[in-house]
PDB file of N, CA and C in Angstrom:
ATOM      1  N   UNK A   1     101.147 109.134 113.235  1.00  0.00           N
ATOM      2  CA  UNK A   1     102.386 110.008 113.691  1.00  0.00           C
ATOM      3  C   UNK A   1     102.633 110.855 112.688  1.00  0.00           C
ATOM      4  N   UNK A   2     102.944 112.206 113.040  1.00  0.00           N
ATOM      5  CA  UNK A   2     103.605 113.273 112.386  1.00  0.00           C
ATOM      6  C   UNK A   2     104.795 113.324 112.019  1.00  0.00           C
ATOM      7  N   UNK A   3     105.198 113.267 110.879  1.00  0.00           N
ATOM      8  CA  UNK A   3     106.790 112.825 110.559  1.00  0.00           C
ATOM      9  C   UNK A   3     107.263 113.763 109.582  1.00  0.00           C
ATOM     10  N   UNK A   4     108.568 114.612 110.054  1.00  0.00           N
ATOM     11  CA  UNK A   4     108.950 115.597 109.203  1.00  0.00           C
ATOM     12  C   UNK A   4     110.164 115.041 108.408  1.00  0.00           C
ATOM     13  N   UNK A   5     110.131 115.336 106.914  1.00  0.00           N
ATOM     14  CA  UNK A   5     110.799 114.675 105.896  1.00  0.00           C
ATOM     15  C   UNK A   5     111.964 115.830 105.625  1.00  0.00           C
ATOM     16  N   UNK A   6     113.224 115.731 106.366  1.00  0.00           N
ATOM     17  CA  UNK A   6     114.097 117.095 105.822  1.00  0.00           C
ATOM     18  C   UNK A   6     114.428 117.237 104.828  1.00  0.00           C
ATOM     19  N   UNK A   7     115.024 118.230 103.998  1.00  0.00           N
ATOM     20  CA  UNK A   7     115.708 118.545 102.733  1.00  0.00           C
ATOM     21  C   UNK A   7     116.795 117.322 102.882  1.00  0.00           C
ATOM     22  N   UNK A   8     117.601 117.246 103.804  1.00  0.00           N
ATOM     23  CA  UNK A   8     118.811 116.280 103.642  1.00  0.00           C
ATOM     24  C   UNK A   8     119.769 117.053 102.691  1.00  0.00           C
ATOM     25  N   UNK A   9     120.401 115.831 101.693  1.00  0.00           N
ATOM     26  CA  UNK A   9     121.288 116.048 100.849  1.00  0.00           C
ATOM     27  C   UNK A   9     120.437 116.171  99.359  1.00  0.00           C
ATOM     28  N   UNK A  10     119.296 116.250  99.173  1.00  0.00           N
ATOM     29  CA  UNK A  10     118.489 116.251  98.282  1.00  0.00           C
ATOM     30  C   UNK A  10     118.507 117.591  97.404  1.00  0.00           C
ATOM     31  N   UNK A  11     118.874 117.828  96.272  1.00  0.00           N
ATOM     32  CA  UNK A  11     119.076 118.959  95.812  1.00  0.00           C
ATOM     33  C   UNK A  11     117.928 119.422  95.118  1.00  0.00           C
ATOM     34  N   UNK A  12     117.152 118.681  94.884  1.00  0.00           N
ATOM     35  CA  UNK A  12     116.033 119.024  94.263  1.00  0.00           C
ATOM     36  C   UNK A  12     114.863 119.499  94.838  1.00  0.00           C
ATOM     37  N   UNK A  13     114.718 119.135  96.314  1.00  0.00           N
ATOM     38  CA  UNK A  13     113.565 119.531  97.118  1.00  0.00           C
ATOM     39  C   UNK A  13     112.501 118.773  97.080  1.00  0.00           C
ATOM     40  N   UNK A  14     112.371 117.700  96.217  1.00  0.00           N
ATOM     41  CA  UNK A  14     111.663 116.835  95.942  1.00  0.00           C
ATOM     42  C   UNK A  14     112.003 115.255  96.616  1.00  0.00           C
ATOM     43  N   UNK A  15     111.050 114.785  97.111  1.00  0.00           N
ATOM     44  CA  UNK A  15     111.281 113.299  97.695  1.00  0.00           C
ATOM     45  C   UNK A  15     110.073 112.281  96.836  1.00  0.00           C
ATOM     46  N   UNK A  16     110.506 110.849  96.520  1.00  0.00           N
ATOM     47  CA  UNK A  16     109.677 110.091  96.279  1.00  0.00           C
ATOM     48  C   UNK A  16     109.401 108.920  97.567  1.00  0.00           C
ATOM     49  N   UNK A  17     108.272 108.425  97.867  1.00  0.00           N
ATOM     50  CA  UNK A  17     108.125 107.748  98.948  1.00  0.00           C
ATOM     51  C   UNK A  17     107.468 106.438  98.611  1.00  0.00           C
ATOM     52  N   UNK A  18     107.705 105.406  98.987  1.00  0.00           N
ATOM     53  CA  UNK A  18     107.079 104.075  98.731  1.00  0.00           C
ATOM     54  C   UNK A  18     106.703 103.184  99.967  1.00  0.00           C
ATOM     55  N   UNK A  19     105.951 102.196 100.104  1.00  0.00           N
ATOM     56  CA  UNK A  19     105.609 101.284 101.044  1.00  0.00           C
ATOM     57  C   UNK A  19     105.494 100.056 100.910  1.00  0.00           C
ATOM     58  N   UNK A  20     105.920  99.024 101.635  1.00  0.00           N
ATOM     59  CA  UNK A  20     105.707  97.654 101.098  1.00  0.00           C
ATOM     60  C   UNK A  20     104.087  97.197 101.008  1.00  0.00           C
ATOM     61  N   UNK A  21     103.598  96.736  99.917  1.00  0.00           N
ATOM     62  CA  UNK A  21     102.182  96.193  99.674  1.00  0.00           C
ATOM     63  C   UNK A  21     101.919  95.209 100.049  1.00  0.00           C
ATOM     64  N   UNK A  22     100.582  94.558  99.685  1.00  0.00           N
ATOM     65  CA  UNK A  22     100.170  93.303 100.241  1.00  0.00           C
ATOM     66  C   UNK A  22     101.162  91.920  99.520  1.00  0.00           C
ATOM     67  N   UNK A  23     101.053  91.003 100.327  1.00  0.00           N
ATOM     68  CA  UNK A  23     101.854  89.808  99.519  1.00  0.00           C
ATOM     69  C   UNK A  23     101.181  89.489  98.241  1.00  0.00           C
ATOM     70  N   UNK A  24     102.196  89.108  97.420  1.00  0.00           N
ATOM     71  CA  UNK A  24     101.558  88.791  95.798  1.00  0.00           C
ATOM     72  C   UNK A  24     101.187  87.151  95.948  1.00  0.00           C
ATOM     73  N   UNK A  25     100.556  86.658  95.071  1.00  0.00           N
ATOM     74  CA  UNK A  25     100.225  85.227  95.029  1.00  0.00           C
ATOM     75  C   UNK A  25     101.530  84.808  94.663  1.00  0.00           C
ATOM     76  N   UNK A  26     102.028  83.485  95.168  1.00  0.00           N
ATOM     77  CA  UNK A  26     103.250  82.815  94.576  1.00  0.00           C
ATOM     78  C   UNK A  26     103.494  81.970  96.024  1.00  0.00           C
ATOM     79  N   UNK A  27     104.464  81.212  95.501  1.00  0.00           N
ATOM     80  CA  UNK A  27     105.171  80.404  96.229  1.00  0.00           C
ATOM     81  C   UNK A  27     106.388  80.337  96.567  1.00  0.00           C
ATOM     82  N   UNK A  28     107.035  81.061  97.973  1.00  0.00           N
ATOM     83  CA  UNK A  28     106.340  81.672  98.866  1.00  0.00           C
ATOM     84  C   UNK A  28     105.809  83.089  98.598  1.00  0.00           C
ATOM     85  N   UNK A  29     104.486  83.521  99.218  1.00  0.00           N
ATOM     86  CA  UNK A  29     104.013  84.709  98.787  1.00  0.00           C
ATOM     87  C   UNK A  29     105.201  85.825  99.123  1.00  0.00           C
ATOM     88  N   UNK A  30     105.308  86.981  97.993  1.00  0.00           N
ATOM     89  CA  UNK A  30     106.245  88.023  98.342  1.00  0.00           C
ATOM     90  C   UNK A  30     105.553  89.039  98.385  1.00  0.00           C
ATOM     91  N   UNK A  31     106.252  90.376  99.297  1.00  0.00           N
ATOM     92  CA  UNK A  31     105.890  91.731  99.405  1.00  0.00           C
ATOM     93  C   UNK A  31     106.508  92.367  98.447  1.00  0.00           C
ATOM     94  N   UNK A  32     105.857  93.620  97.878  1.00  0.00           N
ATOM     95  CA  UNK A  32     106.433  94.349  97.045  1.00  0.00           C
ATOM     96  C   UNK A  32     106.201  95.705  97.038  1.00  0.00           C
ATOM     97  N   UNK A  33     107.259  96.648  96.820  1.00  0.00           N
ATOM     98  CA  UNK A  33     107.208  98.034  96.895  1.00  0.00           C
ATOM     99  C   UNK A  33     106.195  98.818  96.067  1.00  0.00           C
ATOM    100  N   UNK A  34     105.394  99.525  96.634  1.00  0.00           N
ATOM    101  CA  UNK A  34     104.144 100.459  95.878  1.00  0.00           C
ATOM    102  C   UNK A  34     104.092 101.899  96.025  1.00  0.00           C
ATOM    103  N   UNK A  35     103.640 102.413  95.544  1.00  0.00           N
ATOM    104  CA  UNK A  35     103.269 104.098  95.769  1.00  0.00           C
ATOM    105  C   UNK A  35     102.724 104.241  96.996  1.00  0.00           C
ATOM    106  N   UNK A  36     103.129 105.127  97.833  1.00  0.00           N
ATOM    107  CA  UNK A  36     102.786 105.690  99.048  1.00  0.00           C
ATOM    108  C   UNK A  36     101.005 105.752  99.026  1.00  0.00           C
ATOM    109  N   UNK A  37     100.344 105.419  99.557  1.00  0.00           N
ATOM    110  CA  UNK A  37      98.904 105.774  99.537  1.00  0.00           C
ATOM    111  C   UNK A  37      98.230 107.159  99.480  1.00  0.00           C
ATOM    112  N   UNK A  38      99.021 107.999 100.247  1.00  0.00           N
ATOM    113  CA  UNK A  38      98.510 109.135 100.351  1.00  0.00           C
ATOM    114  C   UNK A  38      99.410 110.243  99.126  1.00  0.00           C
ATOM    115  N   UNK A  39     100.126 109.404  98.274  1.00  0.00           N
ATOM    116  CA  UNK A  39     101.095 110.452  97.239  1.00  0.00           C
ATOM    117  C   UNK A  39     102.163 109.838  97.501  1.00  0.00           C
ATOM    118  N   UNK A  40     102.679 109.760  96.111  1.00  0.00           N
ATOM    119  CA  UNK A  40     104.082 108.887  95.987  1.00  0.00           C
ATOM    120  C   UNK A  40     105.310 110.195  95.815  1.00  0.00           C
ATOM    121  N   UNK A  41     104.920 111.362  95.732  1.00  0.00           N
ATOM    122  CA  UNK A  41     105.860 112.482  95.353  1.00  0.00           C
ATOM    123  C   UNK A  41     105.335 113.876  96.310  1.00  0.00           C
ATOM    124  N   UNK A  42     106.456 114.122  97.015  1.00  0.00           N
ATOM    125  CA  UNK A  42     106.044 115.410  97.845  1.00  0.00           C
ATOM    126  C   UNK A  42     107.398 116.339  98.027  1.00  0.00           C
ATOM    127  N   UNK A  43     107.359 117.580  98.352  1.00  0.00           N
ATOM    128  CA  UNK A  43     108.327 118.646  98.588  1.00  0.00           C
ATOM    129  C   UNK A  43     109.263 118.000  99.895  1.00  0.00           C
ATOM    130  N   UNK A  44     110.421 118.228  99.955  1.00  0.00           N
ATOM    131  CA  UNK A  44     111.377 117.810 101.176  1.00  0.00           C
ATOM    132  C   UNK A  44     111.059 119.123 101.892  1.00  0.00           C
ATOM    133  N   UNK A  45     110.916 118.859 103.488  1.00  0.00           N
ATOM    134  CA  UNK A  45     110.972 120.064 104.355  1.00  0.00           C
ATOM    135  C   UNK A  45     109.281 120.021 104.375  1.00  0.00           C
ATOM    136  N   UNK A  46     108.800 118.587 104.323  1.00  0.00           N
ATOM    137  CA  UNK A  46     107.337 118.781 104.701  1.00  0.00           C
ATOM    138  C   UNK A  46     106.999 118.084 105.855  1.00  0.00           C
ATOM    139  N   UNK A  47     105.849 117.888 106.295  1.00  0.00           N
ATOM    140  CA  UNK A  47     105.578 116.907 107.347  1.00  0.00           C
ATOM    141  C   UNK A  47     104.260 116.256 106.426  1.00  0.00           C
ATOM    142  N   UNK A  48     104.169 114.854 107.350  1.00  0.00           N
ATOM    143  CA  UNK A  48     102.990 113.939 106.709  1.00  0.00           C
ATOM    144  C   UNK A  48     102.827 113.277 107.841  1.00  0.00           C
ATOM    145  N   UNK A  49     101.555 112.807 107.905  1.00  0.00           N
ATOM    146  CA  UNK A  49     101.097 111.695 108.794  1.00  0.00           C
ATOM    147  C   UNK A  49     101.332 110.397 108.306  1.00  0.00           C
ATOM    148  N   UNK A  50     102.314 109.579 109.119  1.00  0.00           N
ATOM    149  CA  UNK A  50     102.589 108.267 108.654  1.00  0.00           C
ATOM    150  C   UNK A  50     102.076 107.183 109.527  1.00  0.00           C
ATOM    151  N   UNK A  51     101.833 105.942 109.345  1.00  0.00           N
ATOM    152  CA  UNK A  51     101.606 104.917 110.045  1.00  0.00           C
ATOM    153  C   UNK A  51     102.877 104.444 111.067  1.00  0.00           C
ATOM    154  N   UNK A  52     103.248 104.588 112.499  1.00  0.00           N
ATOM    155  CA  UNK A  52     104.420 104.215 112.899  1.00  0.00           C
ATOM    156  C   UNK A  52     104.651 102.745 112.617  1.00  0.00           C
ATOM    157  N   UNK A  53     103.724 101.985 112.482  1.00  0.00           N
ATOM    158  CA  UNK A  53     104.139 100.510 112.278  1.00  0.00           C
ATOM    159  C   UNK A  53     105.074 100.171 111.193  1.00  0.00           C
ATOM    160  N   UNK A  54     105.037 101.159 110.119  1.00  0.00           N
ATOM    161  CA  UNK A  54     105.784 100.541 108.955  1.00  0.00           C
ATOM    162  C   UNK A  54     106.719 101.529 108.765  1.00  0.00           C
ATOM    163  N   UNK A  55     107.016 102.778 109.570  1.00  0.00           N
ATOM    164  CA  UNK A  55     108.166 103.322 109.246  1.00  0.00           C
ATOM    165  C   UNK A  55     109.500 103.026 109.273  1.00  0.00           C
ATOM    166  N   UNK A  56     110.131 102.042 110.060  1.00  0.00           N
ATOM    167  CA  UNK A  56     111.204 101.705 110.033  1.00  0.00           C
ATOM    168  C   UNK A  56     111.413 100.710 109.154  1.00  0.00           C
ATOM    169  N   UNK A  57     110.952  99.814 108.689  1.00  0.00           N
ATOM    170  CA  UNK A  57     111.200  98.765 107.678  1.00  0.00           C
ATOM    171  C   UNK A  57     109.986  98.464 106.567  1.00  0.00           C
ATOM    172  N   UNK A  58     108.749  99.417 106.402  1.00  0.00           N
ATOM    173  CA  UNK A  58     108.135  99.298 105.435  1.00  0.00           C
ATOM    174  C   UNK A  58     107.868 100.547 104.449  1.00  0.00           C
ATOM    175  N   UNK A  59     108.958 101.549 104.802  1.00  0.00           N
ATOM    176  CA  UNK A  59     108.983 102.595 103.761  1.00  0.00           C
ATOM    177  C   UNK A  59     110.348 102.850 103.521  1.00  0.00           C
ATOM    178  N   UNK A  60     110.337 103.353 102.335  1.00  0.00           N
ATOM    179  CA  UNK A  60     111.647 103.935 101.578  1.00  0.00           C
ATOM    180  C   UNK A  60     111.170 105.190 100.832  1.00  0.00           C
ATOM    181  N   UNK A  61     112.260 106.036 101.102  1.00  0.00           N
ATOM    182  CA  UNK A  61     112.458 107.468 100.190  1.00  0.00           C
ATOM    183  C   UNK A  61     113.611 107.516  99.650  1.00  0.00           C
ATOM    184  N   UNK A  62     113.437 108.434  98.574  1.00  0.00           N
ATOM    185  CA  UNK A  62     114.700 108.737  97.695  1.00  0.00           C
ATOM    186  C   UNK A  62     114.405 110.203  97.345  1.00  0.00           C
ATOM    187  N   UNK A  63     115.469 110.958  96.993  1.00  0.00           N
ATOM    188  CA  UNK A  63     115.308 112.185  96.330  1.00  0.00           C
ATOM    189  C   UNK A  63     114.849 112.075  95.075  1.00  0.00           C
ATOM    190  N   UNK A  64     113.796 112.801  94.305  1.00  0.00           N
ATOM    191  CA  UNK A  64     113.310 112.650  92.897  1.00  0.00           C
ATOM    192  C   UNK A  64     113.670 114.000  92.289  1.00  0.00           C
ATOM    193  N   UNK A  65     113.735 113.856  91.176  1.00  0.00           N
ATOM    194  CA  UNK A  65     113.977 114.962  90.009  1.00  0.00           C
ATOM    195  C   UNK A  65     112.882 115.215  89.116  1.00  0.00           C
ATOM    196  N   UNK A  66     111.705 116.068  89.562  1.00  0.00           N
ATOM    197  CA  UNK A  66     110.506 116.086  88.408  1.00  0.00           C
ATOM    198  C   UNK A  66     110.864 116.523  87.186  1.00  0.00           C
ATOM    199  N   UNK A  67     111.612 117.238  87.096  1.00  0.00           N
ATOM    200  CA  UNK A  67     112.418 117.934  85.874  1.00  0.00           C
ATOM    201  C   UNK A  67     112.599 116.650  84.575  1.00  0.00           C
ATOM    202  N   UNK A  68     113.491 115.964  85.413  1.00  0.00           N
ATOM    203  CA  UNK A  68     114.115 114.720  84.614  1.00  0.00           C
ATOM    204  C   UNK A  68     113.278 113.375  84.468  1.00  0.00           C
ATOM    205  N   UNK A  69     112.091 113.386  85.579  1.00  0.00           N
ATOM    206  CA  UNK A  69     111.255 112.367  85.720  1.00  0.00           C
ATOM    207  C   UNK A  69     112.146 111.078  86.173  1.00  0.00           C
ATOM    208  N   UNK A  70     113.055 111.234  86.899  1.00  0.00           N
ATOM    209  CA  UNK A  70     114.039 110.178  87.319  1.00  0.00           C
ATOM    210  C   UNK A  70     114.344 110.399  88.812  1.00  0.00           C
ATOM    211  N   UNK A  71     115.094 109.458  89.412  1.00  0.00           N
ATOM    212  CA  UNK A  71     115.321 109.734  90.572  1.00  0.00           C
ATOM    213  C   UNK A  71     116.804 109.788  90.798  1.00  0.00           C
ATOM    214  N   UNK A  72     117.435 110.798  91.069  1.00  0.00           N
ATOM    215  CA  UNK A  72     118.878 111.100  91.433  1.00  0.00           C
ATOM    216  C   UNK A  72     119.610 110.606  92.406  1.00  0.00           C
ATOM    217  N   UNK A  73     118.858 109.584  93.262  1.00  0.00           N
ATOM    218  CA  UNK A  73     119.500 108.976  94.327  1.00  0.00           C
ATOM    219  C   UNK A  73     119.040 107.488  94.452  1.00  0.00           C
ATOM    220  N   UNK A  74     119.545 107.034  95.626  1.00  0.00           N
ATOM    221  CA  UNK A  74     119.064 105.392  95.682  1.00  0.00           C
ATOM    222  C   UNK A  74     118.132 105.605  96.922  1.00  0.00           C
ATOM    223  N   UNK A  75     117.260 104.432  97.127  1.00  0.00           N
ATOM    224  CA  UNK A  75     116.345 104.521  98.052  1.00  0.00           C
ATOM    225  C   UNK A  75     116.805 104.331  99.408  1.00  0.00           C
ATOM    226  N   UNK A  76     116.533 104.998 100.434  1.00  0.00           N
ATOM    227  CA  UNK A  76     116.625 104.690 101.718  1.00  0.00           C
ATOM    228  C   UNK A  76     115.606 104.055 102.401  1.00  0.00           C
ATOM    229  N   UNK A  77     115.798 102.593 103.118  1.00  0.00           N
ATOM    230  CA  UNK A  77     114.556 102.223 103.856  1.00  0.00           C
ATOM    231  C   UNK A  77     114.522 102.561 105.142  1.00  0.00           C
ATOM    232  N   UNK A  78     113.423 103.171 105.673  1.00  0.00           N
ATOM    233  CA  UNK A  78     113.248 103.304 106.995  1.00  0.00           C
ATOM    234  C   UNK A  78     113.425 105.071 106.988  1.00  0.00           C
ATOM    235  N   UNK A  79     112.563 105.433 107.887  1.00  0.00           N
ATOM    236  CA  UNK A  79     112.368 107.006 108.200  1.00  0.00           C
ATOM    237  C   UNK A  79     112.860 107.291 109.326  1.00  0.00           C
ATOM    238  N   UNK A  80     114.254 107.968 109.513  1.00  0.00           N
ATOM    239  CA  UNK A  80     114.913 108.334 110.748  1.00  0.00           C
ATOM    240  C   UNK A  80     114.108 109.157 111.943  1.00  0.00           C
ATOM    241  N   UNK A  81     113.974 108.789 112.683  1.00  0.00           N
ATOM    242  CA  UNK A  81     113.117 109.594 113.847  1.00  0.00           C
ATOM    243  C   UNK A  81     114.232 109.650 114.983  1.00  0.00           C
ATOM    244  N   UNK A  82     114.981 109.923 114.778  1.00  0.00           N
ATOM    245  CA  UNK A  82     115.976 110.432 115.846  1.00  0.00           C
ATOM    246  C   UNK A  82     115.511 111.688 116.996  1.00  0.00           C
ATOM    247  N   UNK A  83     114.588 112.268 116.651  1.00  0.00           N
ATOM    248  CA  UNK A  83     114.178 113.313 117.526  1.00  0.00           C
ATOM    249  C   UNK A  83     114.420 114.649 117.024  1.00  0.00           C
ATOM    250  N   UNK A  84     115.764 114.770 116.121  1.00  0.00           N
ATOM    251  CA  UNK A  84     116.577 116.176 115.844  1.00  0.00           C
ATOM    252  C   UNK A  84     115.544 117.037 114.958  1.00  0.00           C
ATOM    253  N   UNK A  85     114.409 116.557 114.090  1.00  0.00           N
ATOM    254  CA  UNK A  85     113.349 117.059 113.430  1.00  0.00           C
ATOM    255  C   UNK A  85     112.174 117.241 114.352  1.00  0.00           C
ATOM    256  N   UNK A  86     111.388 118.277 114.060  1.00  0.00           N
ATOM    257  CA  UNK A  86     109.935 118.197 114.780  1.00  0.00           C
ATOM    258  C   UNK A  86     108.964 118.943 113.625  1.00  0.00           C
ATOM    259  N   UNK A  87     107.894 118.919 113.881  1.00  0.00           N
ATOM    260  CA  UNK A  87     106.632 119.138 112.875  1.00  0.00           C
ATOM    261  C   UNK A  87     106.982 120.742 112.983  1.00  0.00           C
ATOM    262  N   UNK A  88     107.555 121.711 113.910  1.00  0.00           N
ATOM    263  CA  UNK A  88     108.010 123.115 113.899  1.00  0.00           C
ATOM    264  C   UNK A  88     108.955 123.411 112.618  1.00  0.00           C
ATOM    265  N   UNK A  89     109.429 122.171 112.131  1.00  0.00           N
ATOM    266  CA  UNK A  89     110.816 122.528 110.980  1.00  0.00           C
ATOM    267  C   UNK A  89     109.894 122.273 109.652  1.00  0.00           C
ATOM    268  N   UNK A  90     108.619 122.048 109.619  1.00  0.00           N
ATOM    269  CA  UNK A  90     107.971 121.894 108.453  1.00  0.00           C
ATOM    270  C   UNK A  90     108.163 123.393 107.458  1.00  0.00           C
ATOM    271  N   UNK A  91     108.303 123.071 106.263  1.00  0.00           N
ATOM    272  CA  UNK A  91     108.308 124.378 105.519  1.00  0.00           C
ATOM    273  C   UNK A  91     107.076 124.380 104.653  1.00  0.00           C
ATOM    274  N   UNK A  92     106.480 123.322 104.489  1.00  0.00           N
ATOM    275  CA  UNK A  92     105.397 123.158 103.758  1.00  0.00           C
ATOM    276  C   UNK A  92     103.973 122.951 104.647  1.00  0.00           C
ATOM    277  N   UNK A  93     102.968 123.316 104.387  1.00  0.00           N
ATOM    278  CA  UNK A  93     101.612 122.940 105.347  1.00  0.00           C
ATOM    279  C   UNK A  93     101.151 121.746 105.391  1.00  0.00           C
ATOM    280  N   UNK A  94     100.630 121.169 106.360  1.00  0.00           N
ATOM    281  CA  UNK A  94     100.337 119.804 106.414  1.00  0.00           C
ATOM    282  C   UNK A  94      99.370 119.566 105.504  1.00  0.00           C
ATOM    283  N   UNK A  95      99.325 117.976 104.930  1.00  0.00           N
ATOM    284  CA  UNK A  95      98.178 117.690 103.872  1.00  0.00           C
ATOM    285  C   UNK A  95      96.900 117.857 104.679  1.00  0.00           C
ATOM    286  N   UNK A  96      95.868 117.992 103.642  1.00  0.00           N
ATOM    287  CA  UNK A  96      94.584 118.148 104.163  1.00  0.00           C
ATOM    288  C   UNK A  96      93.755 116.899 104.567  1.00  0.00           C
TER     289      UNK A  96
END
């Protein structure tokens, strides 16, 4: 599914994204957040192809400041798919 990631309140125009990884060994097994397999940082306003099965509970996004190499905001779990944004809103080209 093609998803638009808007600028929102991110002043840096860069986002960081993670997904829930495979369960780790342990009792009970636990899942953990890992870098997105297609790249963990990208410009806001971009469109990316995402697995619709993991968008709501298994994806998290936050604003990222590449100059400071830190995140200026908290993680937001789930991607908003309210329909207000569309691929036509993309400021960046689609990944190849």
